[in-house]
N, C-alpha and C. Protein backbone atom coordinates (compact mmCIF):
# COMPACT_ATOMS: atom_id res chain seq x y z
N LEU A 1 86.62 19.97 -21.97
CA LEU A 1 85.55 20.17 -22.59
C LEU A 1 84.96 18.54 -22.37
N TRP A 2 84.24 17.51 -22.05
CA TRP A 2 83.83 16.42 -22.64
C TRP A 2 83.82 16.01 -23.82
N GLY A 3 83.55 15.05 -24.10
CA GLY A 3 82.24 14.37 -26.00
C GLY A 3 82.81 12.70 -25.67
N VAL A 4 82.71 12.24 -26.45
CA VAL A 4 82.14 11.46 -26.39
C VAL A 4 82.59 10.01 -28.13
N LEU A 5 83.51 8.98 -27.20
CA LEU A 5 84.28 8.50 -28.40
C LEU A 5 83.88 6.49 -28.35
N ALA A 6 83.72 6.63 -30.06
CA ALA A 6 83.05 4.77 -29.95
C ALA A 6 84.59 4.35 -29.48
N PRO A 7 84.51 2.80 -28.94
CA PRO A 7 85.48 1.76 -28.24
C PRO A 7 86.55 2.09 -29.90
N THR A 8 86.47 2.12 -30.89
CA THR A 8 87.10 2.45 -31.73
C THR A 8 88.11 3.33 -32.44
N GLY A 9 87.70 4.40 -31.14
CA GLY A 9 87.93 4.99 -31.10
C GLY A 9 87.81 6.53 -31.94
N ALA A 10 86.51 6.23 -32.89
CA ALA A 10 86.16 7.46 -33.79
C ALA A 10 85.52 8.89 -32.72
N VAL A 11 85.07 9.42 -32.89
CA VAL A 11 84.30 10.70 -32.94
C VAL A 11 83.16 10.08 -32.65
N LEU A 12 81.74 10.12 -31.87
CA LEU A 12 80.38 10.66 -31.89
C LEU A 12 80.21 11.50 -31.36
N ALA A 13 80.79 12.36 -30.31
CA ALA A 13 80.15 13.53 -29.91
C ALA A 13 81.19 13.94 -29.46
N ALA A 14 82.34 15.57 -30.69
CA ALA A 14 82.88 16.35 -30.36
C ALA A 14 83.02 17.12 -29.13
N PRO A 15 83.92 17.26 -28.58
CA PRO A 15 84.45 17.72 -27.35
C PRO A 15 83.81 18.77 -27.00
N GLN A 16 82.21 19.18 -26.44
CA GLN A 16 81.59 20.23 -25.41
C GLN A 16 80.75 20.58 -25.07
N PHE A 17 80.81 19.40 -24.00
CA PHE A 17 79.98 20.11 -22.42
C PHE A 17 80.94 19.70 -21.54
N GLN A 18 80.65 20.71 -20.49
CA GLN A 18 81.42 21.19 -19.12
C GLN A 18 81.32 19.58 -18.79
N GLU A 19 81.27 18.79 -18.35
CA GLU A 19 80.16 17.79 -17.79
C GLU A 19 79.84 16.94 -18.16
N LEU A 20 79.93 15.70 -18.94
CA LEU A 20 78.93 15.11 -19.12
C LEU A 20 78.63 13.58 -18.13
N GLY A 21 77.73 13.00 -17.32
CA GLY A 21 78.27 11.68 -16.93
C GLY A 21 78.50 11.17 -17.48
N PRO A 22 78.08 9.36 -16.48
CA PRO A 22 77.93 7.81 -17.23
C PRO A 22 76.17 7.73 -18.59
N PHE A 23 76.80 7.04 -19.06
CA PHE A 23 74.93 6.45 -20.44
C PHE A 23 74.36 6.27 -19.71
N THR A 24 73.40 5.31 -19.63
CA THR A 24 72.56 5.03 -18.69
C THR A 24 71.20 5.21 -19.76
N GLY A 25 71.23 3.55 -20.46
CA GLY A 25 69.22 4.17 -20.39
C GLY A 25 70.01 4.24 -22.46
N GLY A 26 70.37 5.19 -22.81
CA GLY A 26 71.08 5.35 -24.30
C GLY A 26 71.50 7.66 -23.62
N MET A 27 71.45 7.69 -22.33
CA MET A 27 71.72 8.78 -22.14
C MET A 27 72.32 9.82 -21.99
N ALA A 28 72.17 10.30 -21.83
CA ALA A 28 73.78 10.42 -19.95
C ALA A 28 73.30 12.21 -19.30
N ARG A 29 74.10 12.75 -18.28
CA ARG A 29 73.13 13.85 -18.43
C ARG A 29 74.76 14.78 -18.62
N ALA A 30 74.53 16.18 -18.99
CA ALA A 30 75.49 17.20 -19.58
C ALA A 30 74.96 18.41 -19.20
N ARG A 31 76.41 19.05 -18.83
CA ARG A 31 76.04 20.91 -18.31
C ARG A 31 76.80 21.61 -20.03
N LYS A 32 76.13 22.47 -20.45
CA LYS A 32 76.26 22.80 -21.62
C LYS A 32 76.17 24.85 -20.79
N GLU A 33 77.16 25.45 -21.21
CA GLU A 33 76.43 27.01 -20.57
C GLU A 33 75.73 26.62 -20.04
N GLY A 34 76.62 26.52 -17.98
CA GLY A 34 76.37 26.34 -17.11
C GLY A 34 74.13 25.27 -16.77
N LYS A 35 73.82 25.36 -17.77
CA LYS A 35 73.15 24.26 -17.58
C LYS A 35 73.10 22.86 -17.60
N VAL A 36 72.23 22.16 -17.04
CA VAL A 36 72.32 20.64 -16.82
C VAL A 36 70.93 20.12 -18.42
N GLY A 37 71.08 19.19 -19.41
CA GLY A 37 70.51 18.44 -20.09
C GLY A 37 70.21 16.98 -19.69
N TYR A 38 69.85 16.36 -20.79
CA TYR A 38 70.54 14.73 -21.37
C TYR A 38 70.37 14.92 -22.46
N VAL A 39 71.14 13.97 -22.62
CA VAL A 39 71.96 13.58 -23.90
C VAL A 39 72.61 11.84 -24.47
N ASP A 40 72.09 11.70 -26.32
CA ASP A 40 72.56 11.04 -26.30
C ASP A 40 74.56 10.54 -26.51
N SER A 41 74.48 9.75 -27.23
CA SER A 41 75.70 8.89 -27.06
C SER A 41 76.07 9.87 -28.15
N THR A 42 75.65 10.65 -29.63
CA THR A 42 76.31 11.28 -30.33
C THR A 42 75.85 12.90 -30.18
N GLY A 43 75.59 13.25 -28.93
CA GLY A 43 75.84 14.40 -28.46
C GLY A 43 74.69 14.93 -28.52
N ARG A 44 73.34 14.41 -29.19
CA ARG A 44 72.02 14.84 -29.63
C ARG A 44 71.25 14.94 -28.39
N VAL A 45 70.73 16.30 -28.51
CA VAL A 45 69.86 17.31 -27.19
C VAL A 45 68.73 15.99 -26.34
N LEU A 46 68.30 15.10 -25.65
CA LEU A 46 67.06 14.27 -25.90
C LEU A 46 66.33 15.58 -24.68
N ILE A 47 66.20 15.61 -23.11
CA ILE A 47 66.45 16.61 -23.02
C ILE A 47 66.62 18.33 -22.09
N PRO A 48 66.20 18.60 -22.98
CA PRO A 48 66.66 20.68 -23.35
C PRO A 48 68.48 21.35 -22.04
N PHE A 49 68.95 21.57 -22.52
CA PHE A 49 69.54 22.02 -21.07
C PHE A 49 68.85 23.37 -20.73
N GLN A 50 69.10 23.47 -19.23
CA GLN A 50 67.34 24.14 -18.52
C GLN A 50 67.35 24.16 -16.95
N PHE A 51 68.01 22.81 -16.41
CA PHE A 51 68.39 22.46 -15.03
C PHE A 51 69.55 23.49 -14.64
N ASP A 52 69.75 23.65 -13.28
CA ASP A 52 70.70 24.17 -12.44
C ASP A 52 71.50 23.27 -11.98
N ARG A 53 71.64 21.55 -11.87
CA ARG A 53 72.02 21.38 -11.58
C ARG A 53 70.70 19.63 -11.99
N ALA A 54 71.65 18.12 -11.30
CA ALA A 54 70.25 17.32 -12.17
C ALA A 54 70.94 15.64 -11.50
N GLU A 55 70.57 15.01 -11.85
CA GLU A 55 70.79 14.01 -11.16
C GLU A 55 70.81 12.57 -11.90
N ASP A 56 72.01 11.81 -12.24
CA ASP A 56 71.54 11.37 -13.55
C ASP A 56 70.59 9.96 -12.89
N PHE A 57 69.49 9.74 -14.42
CA PHE A 57 68.62 8.83 -14.32
C PHE A 57 68.57 7.37 -13.80
N VAL A 58 67.70 6.55 -13.00
CA VAL A 58 67.96 4.71 -11.69
C VAL A 58 66.05 5.18 -12.01
N ASP A 59 65.98 3.85 -12.59
CA ASP A 59 64.94 2.97 -13.28
C ASP A 59 64.15 4.57 -13.49
N GLY A 60 64.41 5.11 -14.42
CA GLY A 60 63.78 5.54 -15.40
C GLY A 60 63.57 7.48 -14.99
N TYR A 61 64.01 7.53 -14.07
CA TYR A 61 63.41 9.01 -12.82
C TYR A 61 65.12 9.63 -12.67
N ALA A 62 64.56 11.20 -12.85
CA ALA A 62 66.58 11.83 -11.77
C ALA A 62 65.48 12.45 -11.36
N VAL A 63 66.28 13.09 -9.97
CA VAL A 63 65.88 13.82 -9.14
C VAL A 63 66.34 16.05 -10.53
N VAL A 64 65.88 16.78 -10.34
CA VAL A 64 66.57 17.52 -11.15
C VAL A 64 66.05 19.06 -10.26
N GLU A 65 66.78 20.43 -10.72
CA GLU A 65 66.92 21.04 -9.03
C GLU A 65 66.21 22.38 -11.04
N LEU A 66 65.50 22.98 -10.15
CA LEU A 66 65.34 24.37 -11.14
C LEU A 66 65.12 25.30 -10.39
N GLY A 67 66.60 26.89 -9.75
CA GLY A 67 65.41 27.76 -9.16
C GLY A 67 65.25 27.67 -8.13
N GLY A 68 66.05 26.34 -7.08
CA GLY A 68 66.65 25.61 -5.45
C GLY A 68 65.60 24.92 -5.43
N ALA A 69 64.09 24.53 -6.35
CA ALA A 69 63.56 24.29 -6.43
C ALA A 69 63.84 22.81 -6.48
N LEU A 70 63.64 21.03 -6.28
CA LEU A 70 63.36 20.42 -7.23
C LEU A 70 62.17 19.20 -7.56
N GLY A 71 62.58 19.04 -8.37
CA GLY A 71 61.34 17.78 -8.99
C GLY A 71 61.86 16.31 -9.18
N VAL A 72 61.28 15.50 -9.96
CA VAL A 72 61.35 14.33 -10.82
C VAL A 72 60.83 14.20 -12.50
N ILE A 73 61.52 13.77 -12.66
CA ILE A 73 61.70 14.46 -13.93
C ILE A 73 61.44 12.28 -15.03
N ASP A 74 60.88 12.63 -15.82
CA ASP A 74 61.00 10.84 -16.60
C ASP A 74 61.64 11.49 -17.24
N ARG A 75 62.27 9.83 -18.29
CA ARG A 75 62.91 9.67 -19.51
C ARG A 75 63.05 10.10 -20.95
N PHE A 76 61.59 11.39 -20.19
CA PHE A 76 61.24 12.41 -22.18
C PHE A 76 61.14 12.90 -21.79
N GLY A 77 61.61 13.91 -20.44
CA GLY A 77 61.54 15.38 -19.58
C GLY A 77 60.25 15.48 -19.05
N GLN A 78 59.47 14.68 -18.84
CA GLN A 78 58.13 15.13 -18.30
C GLN A 78 58.11 14.89 -16.67
N ASN A 79 56.88 16.05 -16.18
CA ASN A 79 57.29 16.27 -15.18
C ASN A 79 57.10 15.05 -13.91
N VAL A 80 56.94 14.06 -13.69
CA VAL A 80 56.94 13.23 -12.46
C VAL A 80 56.30 14.25 -11.19
N ILE A 81 57.46 15.00 -10.35
CA ILE A 81 56.98 15.38 -9.36
C ILE A 81 57.44 16.72 -9.72
N PRO A 82 56.96 17.91 -9.89
CA PRO A 82 57.21 19.18 -10.31
C PRO A 82 57.43 19.62 -8.74
N THR A 83 58.97 20.31 -10.24
CA THR A 83 59.35 22.00 -8.53
C THR A 83 58.72 22.61 -8.75
N ALA A 84 58.98 23.35 -7.83
CA ALA A 84 58.01 24.53 -7.24
C ALA A 84 56.96 25.48 -7.94
N LEU A 85 58.47 25.41 -9.01
CA LEU A 85 58.52 26.50 -10.35
C LEU A 85 57.50 26.11 -11.66
N GLY A 86 57.90 24.90 -11.75
CA GLY A 86 56.85 24.14 -12.49
C GLY A 86 57.82 23.89 -13.76
N VAL A 87 58.46 22.95 -13.57
CA VAL A 87 60.21 22.58 -14.89
C VAL A 87 59.10 22.49 -15.87
N SER A 88 59.03 22.93 -16.99
CA SER A 88 58.29 22.34 -17.99
C SER A 88 59.29 21.86 -18.82
């Protein structure tokens, strides 16, 4: 499992994620219990674990997949281009 350490070695987020992407803009893509969401460096959930697959944020937007349909969300988890299933 993946967690987050500070440069000093202090634990910011205990190992709890099956996957953890790089931090960009204060958040990282993370997988927990088979679903993907986004967390901050302390492990606090910023966008719930709801996606089957998701990409890292680029310029404030990320591509997500839900039920085989692709969509785009913003940094607040709002749909910019909804998936065919209507990501909420």
